[in-house]
């Protein structure tokens, strides 16, 4: 018998890791960023690095930790967005609340990871 068809089978754990979380929050809040390569940065300086990259930016090889001067060489159309941590915390709480309607959230590992 298929385990999924069994009435006794239930979900015990759900592990959630939200990839490109900060960049995705920015794209959700600012529709003009959707579909564009985005790097979230802590400060507006060339000497900083990306703390998050959208899927579109990742397609150019940009990832967390990539120096901005290097990222701009990798992608001329890269949009830099200054980090808004209060926004990410708000989305974090929204995700927890949504998951908690289906399964209790037992452990929060980080702002974008929970179980």
PDB file of N, CA and C in Angstrom:
ATOM      1  N   UNK A   1       0.834  -1.174   0.000  1.00  0.00           N
ATOM      2  CA  UNK A   1       0.000   0.000   0.000  1.00  0.00           C
ATOM      3  C   UNK A   1       0.884   1.245   0.000  1.00  0.00           C
ATOM      4  N   UNK A   2       0.493   2.229  -0.748  1.00  0.00           N
ATOM      5  CA  UNK A   2       1.208   3.496  -0.824  1.00  0.00           C
ATOM      6  C   UNK A   2       1.136   4.210   0.523  1.00  0.00           C
ATOM      7  N   UNK A   3       2.277   4.649   1.028  1.00  0.00           N
ATOM      8  CA  UNK A   3       2.299   5.321   2.334  1.00  0.00           C
ATOM      9  C   UNK A   3       1.440   6.584   2.332  1.00  0.00           C
ATOM     10  N   UNK A   4       1.416   7.294   1.207  1.00  0.00           N
ATOM     11  CA  UNK A   4       0.623   8.517   1.149  1.00  0.00           C
ATOM     12  C   UNK A   4      -0.865   8.226   1.210  1.00  0.00           C
ATOM     13  N   UNK A   5      -1.270   7.048   0.779  1.00  0.00           N
ATOM     14  CA  UNK A   5      -2.684   6.686   0.796  1.00  0.00           C
ATOM     15  C   UNK A   5      -3.118   6.170   2.168  1.00  0.00           C
ATOM     16  N   UNK A   6      -2.151   5.874   3.017  1.00  0.00           N
ATOM     17  CA  UNK A   6      -2.457   5.352   4.339  1.00  0.00           C
ATOM     18  C   UNK A   6      -3.079   6.422   5.226  1.00  0.00           C
ATOM     19  N   UNK A   7      -4.146   6.073   5.910  1.00  0.00           N
ATOM     20  CA  UNK A   7      -4.813   7.006   6.821  1.00  0.00           C
ATOM     21  C   UNK A   7      -3.951   7.298   8.043  1.00  0.00           C
ATOM     22  N   UNK A   8      -3.005   6.398   8.342  1.00  0.00           N
ATOM     23  CA  UNK A   8      -2.148   6.581   9.510  1.00  0.00           C
ATOM     24  C   UNK A   8      -0.950   7.484   9.227  1.00  0.00           C
ATOM     25  N   UNK A   9      -0.681   7.722   7.952  1.00  0.00           N
ATOM     26  CA  UNK A   9       0.475   8.550   7.593  1.00  0.00           C
ATOM     27  C   UNK A   9       0.150  10.017   7.834  1.00  0.00           C
ATOM     28  N   UNK A  10       1.066  10.700   8.494  1.00  0.00           N
ATOM     29  CA  UNK A  10       0.894  12.133   8.703  1.00  0.00           C
ATOM     30  C   UNK A  10       2.243  12.819   8.585  1.00  0.00           C
ATOM     31  N   UNK A  11       2.209  14.105   8.323  1.00  0.00           N
ATOM     32  CA  UNK A  11       3.439  14.889   8.241  1.00  0.00           C
ATOM     33  C   UNK A  11       3.904  15.182   9.658  1.00  0.00           C
ATOM     34  N   UNK A  12       5.158  14.839   9.939  1.00  0.00           N
ATOM     35  CA  UNK A  12       5.712  15.086  11.258  1.00  0.00           C
ATOM     36  C   UNK A  12       6.524  16.371  11.315  1.00  0.00           C
ATOM     37  N   UNK A  13       7.246  16.667  10.235  1.00  0.00           N
ATOM     38  CA  UNK A  13       8.106  17.835  10.194  1.00  0.00           C
ATOM     39  C   UNK A  13       8.039  18.489   8.828  1.00  0.00           C
ATOM     40  N   UNK A  14       8.116  19.779   8.823  1.00  0.00           N
ATOM     41  CA  UNK A  14       8.256  20.554   7.603  1.00  0.00           C
ATOM     42  C   UNK A  14       9.451  21.460   7.814  1.00  0.00           C
ATOM     43  N   UNK A  15      10.486  21.288   6.998  1.00  0.00           N
ATOM     44  CA  UNK A  15      11.664  22.146   7.076  1.00  0.00           C
ATOM     45  C   UNK A  15      11.547  23.188   5.973  1.00  0.00           C
ATOM     46  N   UNK A  16      11.655  24.434   6.335  1.00  0.00           N
ATOM     47  CA  UNK A  16      11.468  25.530   5.399  1.00  0.00           C
ATOM     48  C   UNK A  16      12.724  26.383   5.357  1.00  0.00           C
ATOM     49  N   UNK A  17      13.280  26.555   4.163  1.00  0.00           N
ATOM     50  CA  UNK A  17      14.437  27.418   3.949  1.00  0.00           C
ATOM     51  C   UNK A  17      14.080  28.315   2.768  1.00  0.00           C
ATOM     52  N   UNK A  18      13.878  29.587   3.041  1.00  0.00           N
ATOM     53  CA  UNK A  18      13.435  30.533   2.022  1.00  0.00           C
ATOM     54  C   UNK A  18      14.641  31.128   1.301  1.00  0.00           C
ATOM     55  N   UNK A  19      14.882  30.685   0.088  1.00  0.00           N
ATOM     56  CA  UNK A  19      16.033  31.151  -0.687  1.00  0.00           C
ATOM     57  C   UNK A  19      15.814  32.568  -1.202  1.00  0.00           C
ATOM     58  N   UNK A  20      16.883  33.316  -1.295  1.00  0.00           N
ATOM     59  CA  UNK A  20      16.839  34.702  -1.786  1.00  0.00           C
ATOM     60  C   UNK A  20      15.810  35.527  -1.026  1.00  0.00           C
ATOM     61  N   UNK A  21      15.685  35.279   0.276  1.00  0.00           N
ATOM     62  CA  UNK A  21      14.603  35.837   1.081  1.00  0.00           C
ATOM     63  C   UNK A  21      14.548  37.363   1.044  1.00  0.00           C
ATOM     64  N   UNK A  22      15.644  38.035   1.342  1.00  0.00           N
ATOM     65  CA  UNK A  22      15.621  39.502   1.373  1.00  0.00           C
ATOM     66  C   UNK A  22      15.289  40.065  -0.007  1.00  0.00           C
ATOM     67  N   UNK A  23      15.906  39.511  -1.044  1.00  0.00           N
ATOM     68  CA  UNK A  23      15.647  39.986  -2.406  1.00  0.00           C
ATOM     69  C   UNK A  23      14.202  39.708  -2.810  1.00  0.00           C
ATOM     70  N   UNK A  24      13.676  38.561  -2.409  1.00  0.00           N
ATOM     71  CA  UNK A  24      12.277  38.236  -2.729  1.00  0.00           C
ATOM     72  C   UNK A  24      11.310  39.176  -2.016  1.00  0.00           C
ATOM     73  N   UNK A  25      11.615  39.534  -0.787  1.00  0.00           N
ATOM     74  CA  UNK A  25      10.780  40.503  -0.062  1.00  0.00           C
ATOM     75  C   UNK A  25      10.764  41.838  -0.802  1.00  0.00           C
ATOM     76  N   UNK A  26      11.931  42.274  -1.245  1.00  0.00           N
ATOM     77  CA  UNK A  26      12.014  43.537  -1.975  1.00  0.00           C
ATOM     78  C   UNK A  26      11.227  43.474  -3.278  1.00  0.00           C
ATOM     79  N   UNK A  27      11.311  42.355  -3.990  1.00  0.00           N
ATOM     80  CA  UNK A  27      10.563  42.206  -5.235  1.00  0.00           C
ATOM     81  C   UNK A  27       9.060  42.142  -4.979  1.00  0.00           C
ATOM     82  N   UNK A  28       8.662  41.594  -3.850  1.00  0.00           N
ATOM     83  CA  UNK A  28       7.243  41.554  -3.504  1.00  0.00           C
ATOM     84  C   UNK A  28       6.723  42.963  -3.200  1.00  0.00           C
ATOM     85  N   UNK A  29       7.511  43.733  -2.479  1.00  0.00           N
ATOM     86  CA  UNK A  29       7.107  45.086  -2.091  1.00  0.00           C
ATOM     87  C   UNK A  29       7.197  46.083  -3.243  1.00  0.00           C
ATOM     88  N   UNK A  30       8.126  45.847  -4.140  1.00  0.00           N
ATOM     89  CA  UNK A  30       8.359  46.776  -5.254  1.00  0.00           C
ATOM     90  C   UNK A  30       8.227  46.020  -6.575  1.00  0.00           C
ATOM     91  N   UNK A  31       7.019  45.994  -7.134  1.00  0.00           N
ATOM     92  CA  UNK A  31       6.774  45.225  -8.360  1.00  0.00           C
ATOM     93  C   UNK A  31       7.712  45.562  -9.518  1.00  0.00           C
ATOM     94  N   UNK A  32       8.239  46.776  -9.558  1.00  0.00           N
ATOM     95  CA  UNK A  32       9.144  47.150 -10.651  1.00  0.00           C
ATOM     96  C   UNK A  32      10.459  46.369 -10.597  1.00  0.00           C
ATOM     97  N   UNK A  33      10.751  45.721  -9.470  1.00  0.00           N
ATOM     98  CA  UNK A  33      11.969  44.915  -9.336  1.00  0.00           C
ATOM     99  C   UNK A  33      11.772  43.468  -9.787  1.00  0.00           C
ATOM    100  N   UNK A  34      10.524  43.057  -9.945  1.00  0.00           N
ATOM    101  CA  UNK A  34      10.246  41.661 -10.323  1.00  0.00           C
ATOM    102  C   UNK A  34      10.806  41.364 -11.710  1.00  0.00           C
ATOM    103  N   UNK A  35      11.472  40.221 -11.818  1.00  0.00           N
ATOM    104  CA  UNK A  35      12.063  39.823 -13.086  1.00  0.00           C
ATOM    105  C   UNK A  35      13.397  40.497 -13.375  1.00  0.00           C
ATOM    106  N   UNK A  36      13.880  41.310 -12.458  1.00  0.00           N
ATOM    107  CA  UNK A  36      15.144  42.019 -12.645  1.00  0.00           C
ATOM    108  C   UNK A  36      16.200  41.482 -11.680  1.00  0.00           C
ATOM    109  N   UNK A  37      17.473  41.562 -12.078  1.00  0.00           N
ATOM    110  CA  UNK A  37      18.540  41.133 -11.163  1.00  0.00           C
ATOM    111  C   UNK A  37      18.705  42.139 -10.027  1.00  0.00           C
ATOM    112  N   UNK A  38      18.529  41.666  -8.801  1.00  0.00           N
ATOM    113  CA  UNK A  38      18.566  42.518  -7.618  1.00  0.00           C
ATOM    114  C   UNK A  38      19.609  41.990  -6.638  1.00  0.00           C
ATOM    115  N   UNK A  39      20.385  42.904  -6.078  1.00  0.00           N
ATOM    116  CA  UNK A  39      21.293  42.573  -4.978  1.00  0.00           C
ATOM    117  C   UNK A  39      20.922  43.473  -3.806  1.00  0.00           C
ATOM    118  N   UNK A  40      20.703  42.875  -2.656  1.00  0.00           N
ATOM    119  CA  UNK A  40      20.436  43.630  -1.441  1.00  0.00           C
ATOM    120  C   UNK A  40      21.775  43.886  -0.766  1.00  0.00           C
ATOM    121  N   UNK A  41      21.988  45.150  -0.376  1.00  0.00           N
ATOM    122  CA  UNK A  41      23.268  45.559   0.212  1.00  0.00           C
ATOM    123  C   UNK A  41      23.040  46.221   1.563  1.00  0.00           C
ATOM    124  N   UNK A  42      24.010  46.110   2.470  1.00  0.00           N
ATOM    125  CA  UNK A  42      23.852  46.738   3.783  1.00  0.00           C
ATOM    126  C   UNK A  42      24.071  48.251   3.758  1.00  0.00           C
ATOM    127  N   UNK A  43      24.910  48.724   2.831  1.00  0.00           N
ATOM    128  CA  UNK A  43      25.205  50.151   2.712  1.00  0.00           C
ATOM    129  C   UNK A  43      25.342  50.525   1.246  1.00  0.00           C
ATOM    130  N   UNK A  44      25.268  51.807   0.976  1.00  0.00           N
ATOM    131  CA  UNK A  44      25.390  52.298  -0.402  1.00  0.00           C
ATOM    132  C   UNK A  44      26.843  52.647  -0.727  1.00  0.00           C
ATOM    133  N   UNK A  45      27.693  51.643  -0.734  1.00  0.00           N
ATOM    134  CA  UNK A  45      29.101  51.869  -1.075  1.00  0.00           C
ATOM    135  C   UNK A  45      29.574  50.779  -2.022  1.00  0.00           C
ATOM    136  N   UNK A  46      30.557  51.107  -2.803  1.00  0.00           N
ATOM    137  CA  UNK A  46      31.133  50.137  -3.743  1.00  0.00           C
ATOM    138  C   UNK A  46      31.937  49.056  -3.024  1.00  0.00           C
ATOM    139  N   UNK A  47      32.351  49.332  -1.796  1.00  0.00           N
ATOM    140  CA  UNK A  47      33.224  48.399  -1.082  1.00  0.00           C
ATOM    141  C   UNK A  47      32.452  47.336  -0.303  1.00  0.00           C
ATOM    142  N   UNK A  48      31.132  47.328  -0.404  1.00  0.00           N
ATOM    143  CA  UNK A  48      30.335  46.351   0.324  1.00  0.00           C
ATOM    144  C   UNK A  48      30.099  45.104  -0.530  1.00  0.00           C
ATOM    145  N   UNK A  49      29.319  44.182   0.006  1.00  0.00           N
ATOM    146  CA  UNK A  49      28.995  42.969  -0.737  1.00  0.00           C
ATOM    147  C   UNK A  49      27.492  42.725  -0.671  1.00  0.00           C
ATOM    148  N   UNK A  50      27.029  41.839  -1.529  1.00  0.00           N
ATOM    149  CA  UNK A  50      25.614  41.489  -1.560  1.00  0.00           C
ATOM    150  C   UNK A  50      25.291  40.627  -0.339  1.00  0.00           C
ATOM    151  N   UNK A  51      24.224  40.986   0.379  1.00  0.00           N
ATOM    152  CA  UNK A  51      23.779  40.134   1.484  1.00  0.00           C
ATOM    153  C   UNK A  51      22.630  39.237   1.025  1.00  0.00           C
ATOM    154  N   UNK A  52      22.123  39.489  -0.184  1.00  0.00           N
ATOM    155  CA  UNK A  52      21.125  38.620  -0.812  1.00  0.00           C
ATOM    156  C   UNK A  52      21.112  38.935  -2.301  1.00  0.00           C
ATOM    157  N   UNK A  53      20.794  37.935  -3.097  1.00  0.00           N
ATOM    158  CA  UNK A  53      20.693  38.107  -4.547  1.00  0.00           C
ATOM    159  C   UNK A  53      19.417  37.434  -5.028  1.00  0.00           C
ATOM    160  N   UNK A  54      18.724  38.097  -5.936  1.00  0.00           N
ATOM    161  CA  UNK A  54      17.507  37.514  -6.507  1.00  0.00           C
ATOM    162  C   UNK A  54      17.896  36.356  -7.427  1.00  0.00           C
ATOM    163  N   UNK A  55      16.909  35.545  -7.780  1.00  0.00           N
ATOM    164  CA  UNK A  55      17.175  34.447  -8.710  1.00  0.00           C
ATOM    165  C   UNK A  55      17.734  34.981 -10.028  1.00  0.00           C
ATOM    166  N   UNK A  56      17.241  36.137 -10.459  1.00  0.00           N
ATOM    167  CA  UNK A  56      17.718  36.732 -11.702  1.00  0.00           C
ATOM    168  C   UNK A  56      19.188  37.132 -11.591  1.00  0.00           C
ATOM    169  N   UNK A  57      19.607  37.645 -10.442  1.00  0.00           N
ATOM    170  CA  UNK A  57      21.008  37.999 -10.220  1.00  0.00           C
ATOM    171  C   UNK A  57      21.867  36.741 -10.120  1.00  0.00           C
ATOM    172  N   UNK A  58      21.318  35.716  -9.493  1.00  0.00           N
ATOM    173  CA  UNK A  58      22.065  34.457  -9.363  1.00  0.00           C
ATOM    174  C   UNK A  58      22.360  33.841 -10.726  1.00  0.00           C
ATOM    175  N   UNK A  59      21.502  34.090 -11.700  1.00  0.00           N
ATOM    176  CA  UNK A  59      21.726  33.572 -13.053  1.00  0.00           C
ATOM    177  C   UNK A  59      23.006  34.163 -13.667  1.00  0.00           C
ATOM    178  N   UNK A  60      23.453  35.306 -13.161  1.00  0.00           N
ATOM    179  CA  UNK A  60      24.701  35.938 -13.611  1.00  0.00           C
ATOM    180  C   UNK A  60      25.893  35.502 -12.755  1.00  0.00           C
ATOM    181  N   UNK A  61      25.662  34.668 -11.767  1.00  0.00           N
ATOM    182  CA  UNK A  61      26.738  34.205 -10.892  1.00  0.00           C
ATOM    183  C   UNK A  61      26.891  35.015  -9.618  1.00  0.00           C
ATOM    184  N   UNK A  62      25.989  35.968  -9.397  1.00  0.00           N
ATOM    185  CA  UNK A  62      26.045  36.796  -8.190  1.00  0.00           C
ATOM    186  C   UNK A  62      25.411  36.016  -7.044  1.00  0.00           C
ATOM    187  N   UNK A  63      26.065  36.028  -5.895  1.00  0.00           N
ATOM    188  CA  UNK A  63      25.537  35.311  -4.736  1.00  0.00           C
ATOM    189  C   UNK A  63      25.852  36.100  -3.471  1.00  0.00           C
ATOM    190  N   UNK A  64      25.329  35.635  -2.364  1.00  0.00           N
ATOM    191  CA  UNK A  64      25.618  36.272  -1.086  1.00  0.00           C
ATOM    192  C   UNK A  64      27.130  36.312  -0.894  1.00  0.00           C
ATOM    193  N   UNK A  65      27.634  37.498  -0.572  1.00  0.00           N
ATOM    194  CA  UNK A  65      29.068  37.661  -0.366  1.00  0.00           C
ATOM    195  C   UNK A  65      29.809  38.210  -1.572  1.00  0.00           C
ATOM    196  N   UNK A  66      29.164  38.255  -2.730  1.00  0.00           N
ATOM    197  CA  UNK A  66      29.833  38.798  -3.919  1.00  0.00           C
ATOM    198  C   UNK A  66      30.073  40.297  -3.724  1.00  0.00           C
ATOM    199  N   UNK A  67      31.285  40.736  -3.948  1.00  0.00           N
ATOM    200  CA  UNK A  67      31.616  42.160  -3.847  1.00  0.00           C
ATOM    201  C   UNK A  67      30.808  42.934  -4.892  1.00  0.00           C
ATOM    202  N   UNK A  68      30.315  44.099  -4.521  1.00  0.00           N
ATOM    203  CA  UNK A  68      29.469  44.877  -5.425  1.00  0.00           C
ATOM    204  C   UNK A  68      30.229  45.320  -6.666  1.00  0.00           C
ATOM    205  N   UNK A  69      31.482  45.690  -6.509  1.00  0.00           N
ATOM    206  CA  UNK A  69      32.252  46.085  -7.687  1.00  0.00           C
ATOM    207  C   UNK A  69      32.344  44.939  -8.689  1.00  0.00           C
ATOM    208  N   UNK A  70      32.446  43.714  -8.159  1.00  0.00           N
ATOM    209  CA  UNK A  70      32.515  42.534  -9.014  1.00  0.00           C
ATOM    210  C   UNK A  70      31.141  42.205  -9.595  1.00  0.00           C
ATOM    211  N   UNK A  71      30.099  42.317  -8.776  1.00  0.00           N
ATOM    212  CA  UNK A  71      28.738  42.025  -9.222  1.00  0.00           C
ATOM    213  C   UNK A  71      28.327  42.937 -10.374  1.00  0.00           C
ATOM    214  N   UNK A  72      28.735  44.199 -10.310  1.00  0.00           N
ATOM    215  CA  UNK A  72      28.402  45.142 -11.385  1.00  0.00           C
ATOM    216  C   UNK A  72      29.102  44.777 -12.689  1.00  0.00           C
ATOM    217  N   UNK A  73      30.260  44.171 -12.592  1.00  0.00           N
ATOM    218  CA  UNK A  73      30.942  43.691 -13.795  1.00  0.00           C
ATOM    219  C   UNK A  73      30.244  42.460 -14.354  1.00  0.00           C
ATOM    220  N   UNK A  74      29.697  41.638 -13.484  1.00  0.00           N
ATOM    221  CA  UNK A  74      29.019  40.413 -13.904  1.00  0.00           C
ATOM    222  C   UNK A  74      27.666  40.708 -14.545  1.00  0.00           C
ATOM    223  N   UNK A  75      27.025  41.788 -14.079  1.00  0.00           N
ATOM    224  CA  UNK A  75      25.689  42.129 -14.569  1.00  0.00           C
ATOM    225  C   UNK A  75      25.534  43.647 -14.601  1.00  0.00           C
ATOM    226  N   UNK A  76      25.551  44.200 -15.788  1.00  0.00           N
ATOM    227  CA  UNK A  76      25.466  45.661 -15.932  1.00  0.00           C
ATOM    228  C   UNK A  76      24.106  46.199 -15.498  1.00  0.00           C
ATOM    229  N   UNK A  77      23.057  45.375 -15.555  1.00  0.00           N
ATOM    230  CA  UNK A  77      21.706  45.813 -15.208  1.00  0.00           C
ATOM    231  C   UNK A  77      21.339  45.543 -13.750  1.00  0.00           C
ATOM    232  N   UNK A  78      22.314  45.197 -12.943  1.00  0.00           N
ATOM    233  CA  UNK A  78      22.055  44.871 -11.544  1.00  0.00           C
ATOM    234  C   UNK A  78      21.462  46.066 -10.805  1.00  0.00           C
ATOM    235  N   UNK A  79      20.390  45.812 -10.062  1.00  0.00           N
ATOM    236  CA  UNK A  79      19.759  46.849  -9.251  1.00  0.00           C
ATOM    237  C   UNK A  79      20.175  46.619  -7.804  1.00  0.00           C
ATOM    238  N   UNK A  80      20.761  47.644  -7.194  1.00  0.00           N
ATOM    239  CA  UNK A  80      21.158  47.555  -5.793  1.00  0.00           C
ATOM    240  C   UNK A  80      20.052  48.130  -4.932  1.00  0.00           C
ATOM    241  N   UNK A  81      19.692  47.390  -3.887  1.00  0.00           N
ATOM    242  CA  UNK A  81      18.637  47.814  -2.972  1.00  0.00           C
ATOM    243  C   UNK A  81      19.202  47.770  -1.563  1.00  0.00           C
ATOM    244  N   UNK A  82      19.062  48.875  -0.866  1.00  0.00           N
ATOM    245  CA  UNK A  82      19.548  48.922   0.520  1.00  0.00           C
ATOM    246  C   UNK A  82      18.646  48.085   1.416  1.00  0.00           C
ATOM    247  N   UNK A  83      19.248  47.304   2.280  1.00  0.00           N
ATOM    248  CA  UNK A  83      18.523  46.384   3.166  1.00  0.00           C
ATOM    249  C   UNK A  83      17.549  47.123   4.078  1.00  0.00           C
ATOM    250  N   UNK A  84      16.381  46.495   4.267  1.00  0.00           N
ATOM    251  CA  UNK A  84      15.353  47.022   5.180  1.00  0.00           C
ATOM    252  C   UNK A  84      14.973  45.894   6.136  1.00  0.00           C
ATOM    253  N   UNK A  85      15.707  45.767   7.214  1.00  0.00           N
ATOM    254  CA  UNK A  85      15.553  44.620   8.104  1.00  0.00           C
ATOM    255  C   UNK A  85      14.174  44.535   8.755  1.00  0.00           C
ATOM    256  N   UNK A  86      13.558  45.667   9.046  1.00  0.00           N
ATOM    257  CA  UNK A  86      12.199  45.627   9.618  1.00  0.00           C
ATOM    258  C   UNK A  86      11.230  44.963   8.656  1.00  0.00           C
ATOM    259  N   UNK A  87      11.396  45.210   7.366  1.00  0.00           N
ATOM    260  CA  UNK A  87      10.549  44.578   6.352  1.00  0.00           C
ATOM    261  C   UNK A  87      10.730  43.061   6.363  1.00  0.00           C
ATOM    262  N   UNK A  88      11.972  42.600   6.453  1.00  0.00           N
ATOM    263  CA  UNK A  88      12.247  41.166   6.422  1.00  0.00           C
ATOM    264  C   UNK A  88      11.715  40.477   7.678  1.00  0.00           C
ATOM    265  N   UNK A  89      11.785  41.153   8.805  1.00  0.00           N
ATOM    266  CA  UNK A  89      11.224  40.607  10.045  1.00  0.00           C
ATOM    267  C   UNK A  89       9.705  40.500   9.919  1.00  0.00           C
ATOM    268  N   UNK A  90       9.079  41.499   9.314  1.00  0.00           N
ATOM    269  CA  UNK A  90       7.628  41.454   9.099  1.00  0.00           C
ATOM    270  C   UNK A  90       7.246  40.260   8.227  1.00  0.00           C
ATOM    271  N   UNK A  91       7.958  40.055   7.129  1.00  0.00           N
ATOM    272  CA  UNK A  91       7.678  38.902   6.259  1.00  0.00           C
ATOM    273  C   UNK A  91       7.951  37.587   6.987  1.00  0.00           C
ATOM    274  N   UNK A  92       8.983  37.549   7.793  1.00  0.00           N
ATOM    275  CA  UNK A  92       9.311  36.378   8.606  1.00  0.00           C
ATOM    276  C   UNK A  92       8.114  35.996   9.480  1.00  0.00           C
ATOM    277  N   UNK A  93       7.541  36.985  10.152  1.00  0.00           N
ATOM    278  CA  UNK A  93       6.380  36.719  11.016  1.00  0.00           C
ATOM    279  C   UNK A  93       5.168  36.279  10.204  1.00  0.00           C
ATOM    280  N   UNK A  94       5.001  36.839   9.023  1.00  0.00           N
ATOM    281  CA  UNK A  94       3.889  36.427   8.143  1.00  0.00           C
ATOM    282  C   UNK A  94       4.026  34.964   7.725  1.00  0.00           C
ATOM    283  N   UNK A  95       5.246  34.575   7.385  1.00  0.00           N
ATOM    284  CA  UNK A  95       5.489  33.181   6.971  1.00  0.00           C
ATOM    285  C   UNK A  95       5.216  32.239   8.138  1.00  0.00           C
ATOM    286  N   UNK A  96       5.713  32.581   9.315  1.00  0.00           N
ATOM    287  CA  UNK A  96       5.475  31.739  10.492  1.00  0.00           C
ATOM    288  C   UNK A  96       3.972  31.598  10.745  1.00  0.00           C
ATOM    289  N   UNK A  97       3.242  32.696  10.663  1.00  0.00           N
ATOM    290  CA  UNK A  97       1.797  32.659  10.902  1.00  0.00           C
ATOM    291  C   UNK A  97       1.096  31.784   9.863  1.00  0.00           C
ATOM    292  N   UNK A  98       1.507  31.881   8.617  1.00  0.00           N
ATOM    293  CA  UNK A  98       0.889  31.075   7.557  1.00  0.00           C
ATOM    294  C   UNK A  98       1.170  29.587   7.763  1.00  0.00           C
ATOM    295  N   UNK A  99       2.416  29.243   8.069  1.00  0.00           N
ATOM    296  CA  UNK A  99       2.777  27.842   8.298  1.00  0.00           C
ATOM    297  C   UNK A  99       2.043  27.316   9.526  1.00  0.00           C
ATOM    298  N   UNK A 100       1.958  28.144  10.562  1.00  0.00           N
ATOM    299  CA  UNK A 100       1.335  27.722  11.817  1.00  0.00           C
ATOM    300  C   UNK A 100      -0.154  27.409  11.669  1.00  0.00           C
ATOM    301  N   UNK A 101      -0.782  27.859  10.606  1.00  0.00           N
ATOM    302  CA  UNK A 101      -2.189  27.496  10.376  1.00  0.00           C
ATOM    303  C   UNK A 101      -2.311  26.037   9.950  1.00  0.00           C
ATOM    304  N   UNK A 102      -1.217  25.464   9.454  1.00  0.00           N
ATOM    305  CA  UNK A 102      -1.226  24.065   8.996  1.00  0.00           C
ATOM    306  C   UNK A 102      -0.484  23.129   9.942  1.00  0.00           C
ATOM    307  N   UNK A 103       0.662  23.574  10.402  1.00  0.00           N
ATOM    308  CA  UNK A 103       1.526  22.793  11.295  1.00  0.00           C
ATOM    309  C   UNK A 103       2.126  23.730  12.329  1.00  0.00           C
ATOM    310  N   UNK A 104       2.295  23.280  13.547  1.00  0.00           N
ATOM    311  CA  UNK A 104       2.937  24.159  14.539  1.00  0.00           C
ATOM    312  C   UNK A 104       4.406  24.371  14.188  1.00  0.00           C
ATOM    313  N   UNK A 105       4.863  25.602  14.312  1.00  0.00           N
ATOM    314  CA  UNK A 105       6.272  25.917  14.090  1.00  0.00           C
ATOM    315  C   UNK A 105       6.991  25.630  15.399  1.00  0.00           C
ATOM    316  N   UNK A 106       7.838  24.619  15.383  1.00  0.00           N
ATOM    317  CA  UNK A 106       8.538  24.169  16.581  1.00  0.00           C
ATOM    318  C   UNK A 106       9.857  24.890  16.810  1.00  0.00           C
ATOM    319  N   UNK A 107      10.524  25.237  15.698  1.00  0.00           N
ATOM    320  CA  UNK A 107      11.865  25.798  15.831  1.00  0.00           C
ATOM    321  C   UNK A 107      12.098  26.824  14.729  1.00  0.00           C
ATOM    322  N   UNK A 108      12.581  27.981  15.127  1.00  0.00           N
ATOM    323  CA  UNK A 108      12.997  29.011  14.177  1.00  0.00           C
ATOM    324  C   UNK A 108      14.516  29.032  14.203  1.00  0.00           C
ATOM    325  N   UNK A 109      15.110  28.691  13.069  1.00  0.00           N
ATOM    326  CA  UNK A 109      16.575  28.595  13.003  1.00  0.00           C
ATOM    327  C   UNK A 109      17.218  29.926  12.630  1.00  0.00           C
ATOM    328  N   UNK A 110      16.547  30.700  11.803  1.00  0.00           N
ATOM    329  CA  UNK A 110      17.030  32.014  11.381  1.00  0.00           C
ATOM    330  C   UNK A 110      15.848  32.763  10.785  1.00  0.00           C
ATOM    331  N   UNK A 111      16.090  33.933  10.265  1.00  0.00           N
ATOM    332  CA  UNK A 111      14.992  34.734   9.711  1.00  0.00           C
ATOM    333  C   UNK A 111      14.335  34.053   8.510  1.00  0.00           C
ATOM    334  N   UNK A 112      15.060  33.165   7.830  1.00  0.00           N
ATOM    335  CA  UNK A 112      14.484  32.502   6.654  1.00  0.00           C
ATOM    336  C   UNK A 112      14.509  30.978   6.735  1.00  0.00           C
ATOM    337  N   UNK A 113      14.648  30.440   7.946  1.00  0.00           N
ATOM    338  CA  UNK A 113      14.639  28.985   8.131  1.00  0.00           C
ATOM    339  C   UNK A 113      13.821  28.618   9.358  1.00  0.00           C
ATOM    340  N   UNK A 114      12.980  27.609   9.198  1.00  0.00           N
ATOM    341  CA  UNK A 114      12.170  27.148  10.332  1.00  0.00           C
ATOM    342  C   UNK A 114      11.805  25.688  10.134  1.00  0.00           C
ATOM    343  N   UNK A 115      11.362  25.079  11.224  1.00  0.00           N
ATOM    344  CA  UNK A 115      10.945  23.678  11.184  1.00  0.00           C
ATOM    345  C   UNK A 115       9.706  23.515  12.051  1.00  0.00           C
TER     346      UNK A 115
END
